[in-house]
Every structure is written in structure tokens, then in C-alpha cells.
């Protein structure tokens, strides 16, 4: 099994899905997923993007095994955690969080 196939298999197992479920969620056949996991073929760019989108996986980690936060740098733990959580929210919740943050910032400047 090649490394990228192994990482994809780990993502699938972490999400408690069988090959058929996982393959359907990323738009490929179960047979294709099986070949990728075994290391007999490589995933297409579209498949990698689908995995990244569907499972919020760091693309650099998926490709290389190294987690670089997709090039992001953070000032501290709180900023990193906020971004991590924010990325998993739906658009409505994201707008709400932005409004809360803006309100907090305005209140700080009036103190």
C-alpha cells in the first residue's frame, strides 16, 4: 500500500465508512477506491479535492504526510483553534461569528 492510499484509508476508517460509502461520497467507484487504497493506482486531482472538501482534510498532509496547515501561520493556539473550528461551520454560522467578533472589537475600542 502506498502512503497516499494508506492516508485515504485512514480517513475512511476514521469516518467509520466502508469503501462503498466513502467512494460514493467522493464521487468514485468502490473498485477505484480499493485500487487507490492498495497502492495500485493514484487518485486524480478531482478525487483529492473531493476528499479535502468532503472531509476537511489538509491537502498537503494528504499528498505528503506532512501537516503544514496549507501554508497558514498562526500567532497563537487560540487563533489556530478559531480558524480550525470556523472552517467547519456552515455559511450562516460563519457570518454570525464574524458579526460577534466585529461587535467585540467595537466594544473594546470604546472602553
N, C-alpha and C. Protein backbone atom coordinates (compact mmCIF):
# COMPACT_ATOMS: atom_id res chain seq x y z
N UNK A 1 0.85 -1.18 0.00
CA UNK A 1 0.00 0.00 0.00
C UNK A 1 0.89 1.24 0.00
N UNK A 2 0.62 2.16 -0.94
CA UNK A 2 1.41 3.39 -0.95
C UNK A 2 0.92 4.32 0.15
N UNK A 3 1.69 5.35 0.42
CA UNK A 3 1.37 6.21 1.55
C UNK A 3 0.08 6.98 1.36
N UNK A 4 -0.16 7.52 0.18
CA UNK A 4 -1.39 8.29 -0.03
C UNK A 4 -2.61 7.38 0.08
N UNK A 5 -2.50 6.18 -0.43
CA UNK A 5 -3.59 5.20 -0.30
C UNK A 5 -3.86 4.87 1.15
N UNK A 6 -2.79 4.75 1.92
CA UNK A 6 -2.94 4.47 3.36
C UNK A 6 -3.63 5.63 4.06
N UNK A 7 -3.23 6.87 3.73
CA UNK A 7 -3.86 8.03 4.37
C UNK A 7 -5.34 8.13 4.00
N UNK A 8 -5.67 7.82 2.76
CA UNK A 8 -7.07 7.84 2.35
C UNK A 8 -7.85 6.76 3.11
N UNK A 9 -7.26 5.60 3.25
CA UNK A 9 -7.91 4.53 4.01
C UNK A 9 -8.13 4.96 5.46
N UNK A 10 -7.16 5.65 6.04
CA UNK A 10 -7.28 6.14 7.43
C UNK A 10 -8.44 7.14 7.55
N UNK A 11 -8.57 8.02 6.56
CA UNK A 11 -9.67 9.00 6.57
C UNK A 11 -11.01 8.25 6.53
N UNK A 12 -11.08 7.27 5.65
CA UNK A 12 -12.31 6.47 5.52
C UNK A 12 -12.66 5.78 6.83
N UNK A 13 -11.68 5.11 7.43
CA UNK A 13 -11.92 4.39 8.68
C UNK A 13 -12.24 5.34 9.83
N UNK A 14 -11.57 6.49 9.87
CA UNK A 14 -11.85 7.48 10.90
C UNK A 14 -13.29 7.95 10.83
N UNK A 15 -13.85 7.97 9.63
CA UNK A 15 -15.23 8.39 9.43
C UNK A 15 -16.21 7.22 9.46
N UNK A 16 -15.70 6.05 9.86
CA UNK A 16 -16.50 4.84 10.05
C UNK A 16 -17.35 4.50 8.82
N UNK A 17 -16.69 4.52 7.67
CA UNK A 17 -17.38 4.20 6.42
C UNK A 17 -16.73 3.01 5.75
N UNK A 18 -17.56 2.24 5.05
CA UNK A 18 -16.99 1.17 4.24
C UNK A 18 -16.55 1.78 2.91
N UNK A 19 -15.89 0.99 2.10
CA UNK A 19 -15.36 1.51 0.84
C UNK A 19 -16.47 2.04 -0.06
N UNK A 20 -17.58 1.36 -0.08
CA UNK A 20 -18.69 1.77 -0.94
C UNK A 20 -19.24 3.14 -0.54
N UNK A 21 -19.44 3.35 0.76
CA UNK A 21 -19.96 4.63 1.26
C UNK A 21 -18.98 5.76 0.97
N UNK A 22 -17.72 5.52 1.30
CA UNK A 22 -16.70 6.55 1.13
C UNK A 22 -16.52 6.90 -0.35
N UNK A 23 -16.46 5.88 -1.19
CA UNK A 23 -16.29 6.10 -2.63
C UNK A 23 -17.44 6.95 -3.17
N UNK A 24 -18.65 6.62 -2.78
CA UNK A 24 -19.81 7.39 -3.25
C UNK A 24 -19.71 8.85 -2.81
N UNK A 25 -19.26 9.08 -1.57
CA UNK A 25 -19.19 10.44 -1.04
C UNK A 25 -18.16 11.31 -1.77
N UNK A 26 -17.16 10.67 -2.39
CA UNK A 26 -16.13 11.45 -3.10
C UNK A 26 -16.25 11.31 -4.62
N UNK A 27 -17.27 10.61 -5.07
CA UNK A 27 -17.57 10.57 -6.50
C UNK A 27 -16.75 9.60 -7.33
N UNK A 28 -16.32 8.49 -6.72
CA UNK A 28 -15.60 7.46 -7.49
C UNK A 28 -16.23 6.11 -7.21
N UNK A 29 -15.84 5.10 -7.96
CA UNK A 29 -16.38 3.75 -7.74
C UNK A 29 -15.65 3.08 -6.56
N UNK A 30 -16.31 2.09 -6.00
CA UNK A 30 -15.70 1.34 -4.90
C UNK A 30 -14.45 0.62 -5.39
N UNK A 31 -14.49 0.11 -6.61
CA UNK A 31 -13.32 -0.57 -7.18
C UNK A 31 -12.14 0.37 -7.32
N UNK A 32 -12.40 1.59 -7.77
CA UNK A 32 -11.34 2.59 -7.91
C UNK A 32 -10.74 2.91 -6.54
N UNK A 33 -11.60 3.09 -5.54
CA UNK A 33 -11.11 3.37 -4.18
C UNK A 33 -10.26 2.21 -3.67
N UNK A 34 -10.69 1.01 -3.91
CA UNK A 34 -9.94 -0.17 -3.48
C UNK A 34 -8.53 -0.17 -4.09
N UNK A 35 -8.44 0.12 -5.38
CA UNK A 35 -7.14 0.17 -6.05
C UNK A 35 -6.25 1.29 -5.49
N UNK A 36 -6.86 2.42 -5.15
CA UNK A 36 -6.09 3.53 -4.56
C UNK A 36 -5.57 3.14 -3.19
N UNK A 37 -6.44 2.56 -2.37
CA UNK A 37 -6.03 2.16 -1.01
C UNK A 37 -4.94 1.10 -1.04
N UNK A 38 -4.98 0.21 -2.01
CA UNK A 38 -3.95 -0.83 -2.13
C UNK A 38 -2.64 -0.28 -2.70
N UNK A 39 -2.69 0.91 -3.28
CA UNK A 39 -1.49 1.48 -3.87
C UNK A 39 -1.29 1.09 -5.31
N UNK A 40 -2.30 0.49 -5.93
CA UNK A 40 -2.20 0.07 -7.32
C UNK A 40 -2.50 1.21 -8.30
N UNK A 41 -3.12 2.27 -7.81
CA UNK A 41 -3.36 3.45 -8.65
C UNK A 41 -3.34 4.69 -7.76
N UNK A 42 -3.18 5.83 -8.40
CA UNK A 42 -3.16 7.09 -7.67
C UNK A 42 -4.48 7.82 -7.87
N UNK A 43 -4.91 8.56 -6.86
CA UNK A 43 -6.16 9.32 -7.02
C UNK A 43 -5.96 10.49 -7.98
N UNK A 44 -7.03 10.84 -8.68
CA UNK A 44 -6.98 12.01 -9.56
C UNK A 44 -7.00 13.28 -8.73
N UNK A 45 -6.68 14.39 -9.38
CA UNK A 45 -6.75 15.68 -8.70
C UNK A 45 -8.17 15.94 -8.22
N UNK A 46 -9.16 15.58 -9.03
CA UNK A 46 -10.57 15.77 -8.65
C UNK A 46 -10.91 14.97 -7.40
N UNK A 47 -10.39 13.75 -7.31
CA UNK A 47 -10.65 12.91 -6.15
C UNK A 47 -10.01 13.51 -4.90
N UNK A 48 -8.78 13.99 -5.04
CA UNK A 48 -8.10 14.61 -3.90
C UNK A 48 -8.86 15.85 -3.41
N UNK A 49 -9.32 16.66 -4.34
CA UNK A 49 -10.07 17.86 -3.98
C UNK A 49 -11.39 17.47 -3.30
N UNK A 50 -12.03 16.44 -3.81
CA UNK A 50 -13.27 15.97 -3.21
C UNK A 50 -13.05 15.48 -1.78
N UNK A 51 -11.98 14.75 -1.55
CA UNK A 51 -11.66 14.28 -0.19
C UNK A 51 -11.39 15.47 0.72
N UNK A 52 -10.63 16.43 0.22
CA UNK A 52 -10.32 17.62 1.00
C UNK A 52 -11.59 18.39 1.37
N UNK A 53 -12.51 18.50 0.40
CA UNK A 53 -13.75 19.24 0.62
C UNK A 53 -14.71 18.48 1.53
N UNK A 54 -14.93 17.21 1.25
CA UNK A 54 -15.91 16.42 2.00
C UNK A 54 -15.48 16.13 3.44
N UNK A 55 -14.18 15.98 3.64
CA UNK A 55 -13.70 15.54 4.96
C UNK A 55 -12.78 16.55 5.64
N UNK A 56 -12.69 17.76 5.09
CA UNK A 56 -11.90 18.84 5.67
C UNK A 56 -10.49 18.38 6.02
N UNK A 57 -9.85 17.76 5.07
CA UNK A 57 -8.51 17.21 5.25
C UNK A 57 -7.48 18.20 4.70
N UNK A 58 -6.38 18.35 5.39
CA UNK A 58 -5.29 19.20 4.92
C UNK A 58 -4.71 18.55 3.66
N UNK A 59 -4.79 19.27 2.55
CA UNK A 59 -4.34 18.73 1.26
C UNK A 59 -2.85 18.41 1.26
N UNK A 60 -2.05 19.25 1.90
CA UNK A 60 -0.62 18.97 1.97
C UNK A 60 -0.36 17.66 2.73
N UNK A 61 -1.07 17.46 3.82
CA UNK A 61 -0.92 16.20 4.57
C UNK A 61 -1.36 15.02 3.71
N UNK A 62 -2.48 15.18 3.01
CA UNK A 62 -2.98 14.09 2.18
C UNK A 62 -1.95 13.69 1.12
N UNK A 63 -1.29 14.68 0.52
CA UNK A 63 -0.32 14.41 -0.53
C UNK A 63 1.03 13.94 0.00
N UNK A 64 1.48 14.53 1.09
CA UNK A 64 2.86 14.28 1.55
C UNK A 64 2.99 13.61 2.90
N UNK A 65 1.94 13.64 3.68
CA UNK A 65 2.03 13.11 5.04
C UNK A 65 2.52 14.14 6.04
N UNK A 66 2.79 15.36 5.56
CA UNK A 66 3.27 16.44 6.42
C UNK A 66 2.16 17.46 6.57
N UNK A 67 1.80 17.78 7.80
CA UNK A 67 0.73 18.74 8.06
C UNK A 67 1.31 20.14 8.18
N UNK A 68 1.06 20.96 7.17
CA UNK A 68 1.61 22.32 7.20
C UNK A 68 0.52 23.37 7.28
N UNK A 69 -0.72 22.95 7.63
CA UNK A 69 -1.85 23.88 7.70
C UNK A 69 -2.05 24.62 6.39
N UNK A 70 -1.80 23.94 5.26
CA UNK A 70 -1.96 24.53 3.93
C UNK A 70 -1.25 25.88 3.82
N UNK A 71 -0.12 26.05 4.50
CA UNK A 71 0.64 27.29 4.39
C UNK A 71 0.22 28.35 5.38
N UNK A 72 -0.82 28.09 6.17
CA UNK A 72 -1.27 29.07 7.14
C UNK A 72 -0.30 29.15 8.31
N UNK A 73 -0.14 30.35 8.83
CA UNK A 73 0.63 30.53 10.07
C UNK A 73 -0.27 31.24 11.06
N UNK A 74 -0.10 30.94 12.31
CA UNK A 74 -0.95 31.50 13.35
C UNK A 74 -0.09 32.16 14.42
N UNK A 75 -0.67 33.20 15.02
CA UNK A 75 0.05 33.88 16.09
C UNK A 75 0.10 33.06 17.37
N UNK A 76 -0.97 32.30 17.64
CA UNK A 76 -1.01 31.51 18.86
C UNK A 76 -2.03 30.39 18.73
N UNK A 77 -2.15 29.62 19.79
CA UNK A 77 -3.06 28.47 19.82
C UNK A 77 -4.51 28.90 19.59
N UNK A 78 -4.92 30.01 20.20
CA UNK A 78 -6.31 30.46 20.10
C UNK A 78 -6.69 30.80 18.65
N UNK A 79 -5.81 31.47 17.96
CA UNK A 79 -6.07 31.81 16.56
C UNK A 79 -6.17 30.55 15.71
N UNK A 80 -5.26 29.62 15.93
CA UNK A 80 -5.28 28.38 15.17
C UNK A 80 -6.57 27.60 15.43
N UNK A 81 -6.98 27.50 16.69
CA UNK A 81 -8.19 26.77 17.06
C UNK A 81 -9.42 27.45 16.47
N UNK A 82 -9.47 28.78 16.53
CA UNK A 82 -10.60 29.52 15.98
C UNK A 82 -10.75 29.25 14.48
N UNK A 83 -9.65 29.29 13.75
CA UNK A 83 -9.69 29.04 12.31
C UNK A 83 -10.11 27.61 12.03
N UNK A 84 -9.59 26.67 12.79
CA UNK A 84 -9.94 25.25 12.61
C UNK A 84 -11.44 25.04 12.79
N UNK A 85 -12.00 25.60 13.85
CA UNK A 85 -13.43 25.45 14.12
C UNK A 85 -14.25 26.20 13.07
N UNK A 86 -13.84 27.41 12.74
CA UNK A 86 -14.54 28.26 11.79
C UNK A 86 -14.70 27.56 10.44
N UNK A 87 -13.67 26.89 9.99
CA UNK A 87 -13.71 26.21 8.69
C UNK A 87 -14.76 25.11 8.62
N UNK A 88 -15.18 24.61 9.77
CA UNK A 88 -16.17 23.53 9.79
C UNK A 88 -17.60 24.03 9.92
N UNK A 89 -17.80 25.33 10.02
CA UNK A 89 -19.14 25.89 10.16
C UNK A 89 -19.81 26.10 8.80
N UNK A 90 -21.13 26.16 8.83
CA UNK A 90 -21.85 26.50 7.60
C UNK A 90 -21.78 28.02 7.40
N UNK A 91 -22.20 28.49 6.22
CA UNK A 91 -22.08 29.92 5.90
C UNK A 91 -22.85 30.81 6.86
N UNK A 92 -24.03 30.40 7.28
CA UNK A 92 -24.81 31.21 8.22
C UNK A 92 -24.05 31.40 9.53
N UNK A 93 -23.54 30.30 10.07
CA UNK A 93 -22.80 30.38 11.33
C UNK A 93 -21.51 31.19 11.19
N UNK A 94 -20.85 31.08 10.03
CA UNK A 94 -19.64 31.87 9.79
C UNK A 94 -19.95 33.36 9.84
N UNK A 95 -21.05 33.76 9.16
CA UNK A 95 -21.43 35.18 9.18
C UNK A 95 -21.74 35.63 10.60
N UNK A 96 -22.41 34.79 11.36
CA UNK A 96 -22.76 35.12 12.74
C UNK A 96 -21.50 35.30 13.60
N UNK A 97 -20.54 34.42 13.45
CA UNK A 97 -19.27 34.52 14.20
C UNK A 97 -18.54 35.80 13.82
N UNK A 98 -18.53 36.15 12.55
CA UNK A 98 -17.88 37.39 12.11
C UNK A 98 -18.55 38.60 12.76
N UNK A 99 -19.87 38.61 12.79
CA UNK A 99 -20.60 39.72 13.42
C UNK A 99 -20.28 39.81 14.91
N UNK A 100 -20.21 38.69 15.59
CA UNK A 100 -19.87 38.67 17.02
C UNK A 100 -18.46 39.23 17.23
N UNK A 101 -17.51 38.79 16.40
CA UNK A 101 -16.13 39.27 16.52
C UNK A 101 -16.05 40.77 16.27
N UNK A 102 -16.78 41.26 15.26
CA UNK A 102 -16.77 42.69 14.98
C UNK A 102 -17.38 43.48 16.14
N UNK A 103 -18.44 42.98 16.72
CA UNK A 103 -19.06 43.63 17.87
C UNK A 103 -18.08 43.68 19.04
N UNK A 104 -17.43 42.56 19.33
CA UNK A 104 -16.43 42.53 20.41
C UNK A 104 -15.32 43.53 20.15
N UNK A 105 -14.85 43.63 18.93
CA UNK A 105 -13.78 44.57 18.59
C UNK A 105 -14.26 46.02 18.78
N UNK A 106 -15.49 46.31 18.37
CA UNK A 106 -16.03 47.67 18.55
C UNK A 106 -16.16 48.01 20.02
N UNK A 107 -16.62 47.06 20.82
CA UNK A 107 -16.77 47.29 22.26
C UNK A 107 -15.42 47.53 22.93
N UNK A 108 -14.39 46.85 22.47
CA UNK A 108 -13.04 47.04 23.03
C UNK A 108 -12.50 48.43 22.75
N UNK A 109 -12.80 48.96 21.57
CA UNK A 109 -12.26 50.28 21.21
C UNK A 109 -12.98 51.40 21.93
N UNK A 110 -14.18 51.12 22.48
CA UNK A 110 -14.91 52.17 23.21
C UNK A 110 -14.61 52.14 24.70
N UNK A 111 -13.88 51.16 25.17
CA UNK A 111 -13.53 51.06 26.61
C UNK A 111 -12.54 52.12 27.03
